[in-house]
Amino acid sequence: MPSNNIYLWKNGVYDHSRWISIATRGADTCVLLLTDLCQPGKVSLLTSVTCPTSYLKSSVERGGSLQLTLAMGFLLIQRSDETLSLEFRGSDDVISVKGNFRVADVLDRIAELELDGKVAVTV
């Protein structure tokens, strides 16, 4: 998986035309970059979301949901078996953007950030 991209998982194969990226901001905060998950021509006003890395890691590892409600919109992450469903919508968007990702890919990216010493995650 190149750089920090996590590709959409659809019908058992990767869709390399859509992805999210996870970067760091400080020792315990991550940034989910959402723009490249949007369908071409349907850009959302919500381009990124910042949250504590431990929140993201906990929701991915343990299952359940993580919902972040912001002035600019919302982000909902839900785990179901080995798939992570992500949905977001900007405050002025007509429809929400949805996508599924492999849990292993998201956990691998978080582990990469931990190994690089960019974040310190305890759950």
Foldseek 3Di string as FASTA:
>chain_A
DPDFWFFFQDPNDGDVQATWGWDADAAFKIKIAHQRRDDPPQGAPCGIDMDGPQLVVCCLVVFDKDWDQDPQWIWIWGDDVQKIKIWIHTPPHPDIGITIGGSVSVVVSSVVCVVVSRYDYDD
